Amino acid sequence: MSFEKQERISLTVYLHYNRDARKLNQYGDIIYHSRRLRYLLLYVNRENVDSLIASLKKEKFVKKVIPSYLKELDTNFVGILWREEEKNSI
């Protein structure tokens, strides 16, 4: 049996009330729930993110949904100062 690594993405879901957090278990894995600020982090598969965001926004208990942009950031930090200097000198 071989397992394939799934591409996952984190969604930040803001709620009107904390009691509705357990309803989101059916959408993905809840990683963190801030009761004071009323948001939670939900891990879902990357291939069906767009449909999940659309269905989450339709729910009455959800204020807003923000996807994580971590995969789009440049995480190659080696030599970043020289790259910035080259951009500024051009």
N, C-alpha and C. Protein backbone atom coordinates (compact mmCIF):
# COMPACT_ATOMS: atom_id res chain seq x y z
N MET A 1 0.83 -1.19 0.00
CA MET A 1 0.00 0.00 0.00
C MET A 1 0.87 1.24 0.00
N SER A 2 0.63 2.11 -0.93
CA SER A 2 1.39 3.36 -0.95
C SER A 2 0.44 4.54 -0.78
N PHE A 3 0.89 5.47 -0.01
CA PHE A 3 0.08 6.66 0.24
C PHE A 3 0.66 7.82 -0.52
N GLU A 4 -0.20 8.62 -1.10
CA GLU A 4 0.23 9.82 -1.79
C GLU A 4 0.01 11.03 -0.90
N LYS A 5 0.97 11.91 -0.91
CA LYS A 5 0.86 13.12 -0.09
C LYS A 5 -0.15 14.07 -0.73
N GLN A 6 -1.12 14.50 0.05
CA GLN A 6 -2.15 15.42 -0.44
C GLN A 6 -1.70 16.85 -0.22
N GLU A 7 -1.92 17.68 -1.20
CA GLU A 7 -1.69 19.12 -1.03
C GLU A 7 -2.80 19.66 -0.15
N ARG A 8 -2.44 20.33 0.94
CA ARG A 8 -3.42 20.86 1.88
C ARG A 8 -3.23 22.36 1.99
N ILE A 9 -4.30 23.04 2.37
CA ILE A 9 -4.25 24.48 2.55
C ILE A 9 -5.06 24.82 3.81
N SER A 10 -4.66 25.89 4.44
CA SER A 10 -5.34 26.32 5.66
C SER A 10 -6.34 27.42 5.33
N LEU A 11 -7.52 27.31 5.87
CA LEU A 11 -8.54 28.35 5.73
C LEU A 11 -8.80 28.96 7.10
N THR A 12 -8.82 30.27 7.18
CA THR A 12 -9.19 30.95 8.42
C THR A 12 -10.66 31.29 8.31
N VAL A 13 -11.46 30.75 9.23
CA VAL A 13 -12.90 30.92 9.19
C VAL A 13 -13.32 31.72 10.43
N TYR A 14 -13.90 32.90 10.20
CA TYR A 14 -14.40 33.73 11.30
C TYR A 14 -15.87 33.41 11.53
N LEU A 15 -16.23 33.25 12.81
CA LEU A 15 -17.56 32.82 13.20
C LEU A 15 -18.32 33.93 13.92
N HIS A 16 -19.64 33.86 13.87
CA HIS A 16 -20.46 34.76 14.66
C HIS A 16 -20.49 34.29 16.12
N TYR A 17 -20.60 32.97 16.33
CA TYR A 17 -20.66 32.39 17.67
C TYR A 17 -19.75 31.18 17.74
N ASN A 18 -19.08 31.01 18.87
CA ASN A 18 -18.16 29.88 19.05
C ASN A 18 -18.87 28.53 19.05
N ARG A 19 -20.12 28.50 19.43
CA ARG A 19 -20.81 27.21 19.53
C ARG A 19 -20.96 26.55 18.15
N ASP A 20 -20.79 27.30 17.08
CA ASP A 20 -20.94 26.74 15.73
C ASP A 20 -19.65 26.12 15.21
N ALA A 21 -18.60 26.12 15.99
CA ALA A 21 -17.30 25.61 15.51
C ALA A 21 -17.36 24.12 15.19
N ARG A 22 -18.08 23.36 15.98
CA ARG A 22 -18.12 21.91 15.73
C ARG A 22 -18.86 21.55 14.44
N LYS A 23 -19.63 22.46 13.90
CA LYS A 23 -20.30 22.20 12.62
C LYS A 23 -19.31 22.14 11.46
N LEU A 24 -18.12 22.70 11.66
CA LEU A 24 -17.12 22.74 10.59
C LEU A 24 -16.28 21.47 10.51
N ASN A 25 -16.49 20.53 11.40
CA ASN A 25 -15.76 19.25 11.34
C ASN A 25 -16.03 18.50 10.05
N GLN A 26 -17.18 18.68 9.45
CA GLN A 26 -17.52 17.97 8.21
C GLN A 26 -16.77 18.53 7.00
N TYR A 27 -16.22 19.75 7.10
CA TYR A 27 -15.53 20.36 5.97
C TYR A 27 -14.04 20.02 5.93
N GLY A 28 -13.44 19.80 7.09
CA GLY A 28 -12.01 19.51 7.13
C GLY A 28 -11.55 19.33 8.56
N ASP A 29 -10.24 19.39 8.77
CA ASP A 29 -9.65 19.18 10.09
C ASP A 29 -9.47 20.53 10.77
N ILE A 30 -10.03 20.66 11.96
CA ILE A 30 -9.87 21.88 12.74
C ILE A 30 -8.54 21.78 13.49
N ILE A 31 -7.65 22.72 13.21
CA ILE A 31 -6.32 22.71 13.81
C ILE A 31 -6.27 23.61 15.04
N TYR A 32 -6.90 24.75 14.97
CA TYR A 32 -6.86 25.70 16.08
C TYR A 32 -8.18 26.45 16.14
N HIS A 33 -8.63 26.74 17.36
CA HIS A 33 -9.86 27.50 17.55
C HIS A 33 -9.60 28.57 18.60
N SER A 34 -9.69 29.84 18.20
CA SER A 34 -9.54 30.95 19.13
C SER A 34 -10.93 31.35 19.61
N ARG A 35 -11.21 31.04 20.85
CA ARG A 35 -12.54 31.35 21.39
C ARG A 35 -12.70 32.84 21.63
N ARG A 36 -11.62 33.51 21.99
CA ARG A 36 -11.72 34.94 22.29
C ARG A 36 -11.95 35.76 21.02
N LEU A 37 -11.23 35.43 19.95
CA LEU A 37 -11.36 36.19 18.69
C LEU A 37 -12.35 35.55 17.72
N ARG A 38 -12.91 34.41 18.08
CA ARG A 38 -13.94 33.71 17.31
C ARG A 38 -13.53 33.40 15.87
N TYR A 39 -12.39 32.73 15.74
CA TYR A 39 -12.00 32.22 14.43
C TYR A 39 -11.38 30.85 14.63
N LEU A 40 -11.27 30.09 13.54
CA LEU A 40 -10.58 28.81 13.61
C LEU A 40 -9.83 28.55 12.32
N LEU A 41 -8.82 27.69 12.42
CA LEU A 41 -8.03 27.28 11.27
C LEU A 41 -8.49 25.91 10.84
N LEU A 42 -8.82 25.80 9.58
CA LEU A 42 -9.39 24.57 9.02
C LEU A 42 -8.48 24.09 7.90
N TYR A 43 -7.96 22.86 8.00
CA TYR A 43 -7.13 22.29 6.94
C TYR A 43 -8.01 21.49 6.00
N VAL A 44 -7.89 21.78 4.70
CA VAL A 44 -8.67 21.08 3.67
C VAL A 44 -7.76 20.72 2.51
N ASN A 45 -8.22 19.81 1.66
CA ASN A 45 -7.46 19.44 0.47
C ASN A 45 -7.47 20.61 -0.53
N ARG A 46 -6.35 20.78 -1.21
CA ARG A 46 -6.19 21.94 -2.09
C ARG A 46 -7.06 21.86 -3.35
N GLU A 47 -7.38 20.66 -3.82
CA GLU A 47 -8.10 20.55 -5.09
C GLU A 47 -9.55 21.03 -5.02
N ASN A 48 -10.16 21.01 -3.85
CA ASN A 48 -11.55 21.45 -3.76
C ASN A 48 -11.71 22.68 -2.87
N VAL A 49 -10.70 23.54 -2.85
CA VAL A 49 -10.74 24.74 -2.00
C VAL A 49 -11.79 25.73 -2.47
N ASP A 50 -11.88 25.97 -3.76
CA ASP A 50 -12.80 26.98 -4.27
C ASP A 50 -14.26 26.63 -3.96
N SER A 51 -14.62 25.38 -4.14
CA SER A 51 -15.99 24.98 -3.85
C SER A 51 -16.27 25.02 -2.34
N LEU A 52 -15.26 24.69 -1.54
CA LEU A 52 -15.43 24.74 -0.09
C LEU A 52 -15.60 26.17 0.41
N ILE A 53 -14.81 27.09 -0.14
CA ILE A 53 -14.93 28.50 0.27
C ILE A 53 -16.31 29.03 -0.09
N ALA A 54 -16.80 28.67 -1.27
CA ALA A 54 -18.13 29.13 -1.69
C ALA A 54 -19.21 28.57 -0.77
N SER A 55 -19.10 27.29 -0.42
CA SER A 55 -20.13 26.70 0.45
C SER A 55 -20.02 27.22 1.88
N LEU A 56 -18.81 27.51 2.35
CA LEU A 56 -18.66 28.05 3.70
C LEU A 56 -19.22 29.47 3.80
N LYS A 57 -19.05 30.26 2.75
CA LYS A 57 -19.56 31.63 2.77
C LYS A 57 -21.09 31.67 2.78
N LYS A 58 -21.72 30.61 2.29
CA LYS A 58 -23.19 30.56 2.28
C LYS A 58 -23.77 30.21 3.65
N GLU A 59 -22.94 29.63 4.53
CA GLU A 59 -23.42 29.24 5.86
C GLU A 59 -23.74 30.49 6.68
N LYS A 60 -24.80 30.43 7.47
CA LYS A 60 -25.25 31.57 8.26
C LYS A 60 -24.31 31.91 9.41
N PHE A 61 -23.64 30.89 9.94
CA PHE A 61 -22.80 31.11 11.11
C PHE A 61 -21.39 31.58 10.78
N VAL A 62 -21.05 31.70 9.49
CA VAL A 62 -19.71 32.11 9.07
C VAL A 62 -19.71 33.59 8.70
N LYS A 63 -18.79 34.35 9.30
CA LYS A 63 -18.64 35.77 8.97
C LYS A 63 -17.85 35.94 7.68
N LYS A 64 -16.61 35.39 7.66
CA LYS A 64 -15.80 35.46 6.45
C LYS A 64 -14.79 34.33 6.45
N VAL A 65 -14.27 34.02 5.25
CA VAL A 65 -13.31 32.95 5.04
C VAL A 65 -12.11 33.52 4.30
N ILE A 66 -10.92 33.26 4.83
CA ILE A 66 -9.69 33.75 4.21
C ILE A 66 -8.76 32.57 3.98
N PRO A 67 -8.34 32.32 2.73
CA PRO A 67 -7.38 31.23 2.48
C PRO A 67 -5.97 31.65 2.86
N SER A 68 -5.12 30.68 3.15
CA SER A 68 -3.73 30.94 3.48
C SER A 68 -2.93 31.14 2.19
N TYR A 69 -2.05 32.12 2.21
CA TYR A 69 -1.21 32.41 1.05
C TYR A 69 0.23 31.97 1.27
N LEU A 70 0.47 31.04 2.16
CA LEU A 70 1.81 30.62 2.52
C LEU A 70 2.53 29.95 1.35
N LYS A 71 1.83 29.17 0.53
CA LYS A 71 2.46 28.49 -0.61
C LYS A 71 2.91 29.47 -1.69
N GLU A 72 2.30 30.63 -1.74
CA GLU A 72 2.63 31.61 -2.78
C GLU A 72 3.81 32.50 -2.40
N LEU A 73 4.24 32.46 -1.14
CA LEU A 73 5.36 33.28 -0.70
C LEU A 73 6.68 32.66 -1.09
N ASP A 74 7.68 33.51 -1.32
CA ASP A 74 9.03 33.04 -1.62
C ASP A 74 9.71 32.70 -0.30
N THR A 75 10.00 31.42 -0.07
CA THR A 75 10.61 31.01 1.18
C THR A 75 12.09 30.74 1.04
N ASN A 76 12.69 31.13 -0.07
CA ASN A 76 14.13 30.99 -0.27
C ASN A 76 14.79 32.24 0.29
N PHE A 77 15.27 32.16 1.52
CA PHE A 77 15.80 33.34 2.19
C PHE A 77 17.31 33.50 2.02
N VAL A 78 17.97 32.52 1.43
CA VAL A 78 19.41 32.60 1.25
C VAL A 78 19.71 33.62 0.16
N GLY A 79 20.49 34.63 0.50
CA GLY A 79 20.88 35.65 -0.46
C GLY A 79 19.79 36.66 -0.76
N ILE A 80 18.81 36.81 0.09
CA ILE A 80 17.70 37.72 -0.19
C ILE A 80 18.16 39.18 -0.19
N LEU A 81 19.16 39.51 0.62
CA LEU A 81 19.64 40.89 0.66
C LEU A 81 20.28 41.28 -0.66
N TRP A 82 21.03 40.34 -1.26
CA TRP A 82 21.65 40.64 -2.54
C TRP A 82 20.61 40.77 -3.65
N ARG A 83 19.57 39.97 -3.58
CA ARG A 83 18.51 40.08 -4.61
C ARG A 83 17.80 41.42 -4.50
N GLU A 84 17.58 41.87 -3.28
CA GLU A 84 16.92 43.18 -3.08
C GLU A 84 17.81 44.31 -3.60
N GLU A 85 19.13 44.19 -3.37
CA GLU A 85 20.05 45.23 -3.85
C GLU A 85 20.09 45.25 -5.37
N GLU A 86 20.04 44.08 -6.01
CA GLU A 86 20.05 44.01 -7.47
C GLU A 86 18.78 44.62 -8.05
N LYS A 87 17.64 44.39 -7.41
CA LYS A 87 16.38 44.98 -7.89
C LYS A 87 16.41 46.49 -7.79
N ASN A 88 16.94 46.99 -6.68
CA ASN A 88 16.97 48.44 -6.47
C ASN A 88 17.97 49.14 -7.37
N SER A 89 19.05 48.46 -7.77
CA SER A 89 20.06 49.10 -8.61
C SER A 89 19.66 49.13 -10.08
N ILE A 90 18.73 48.28 -10.47
CA ILE A 90 18.31 48.23 -11.89
C ILE A 90 17.37 49.34 -12.23
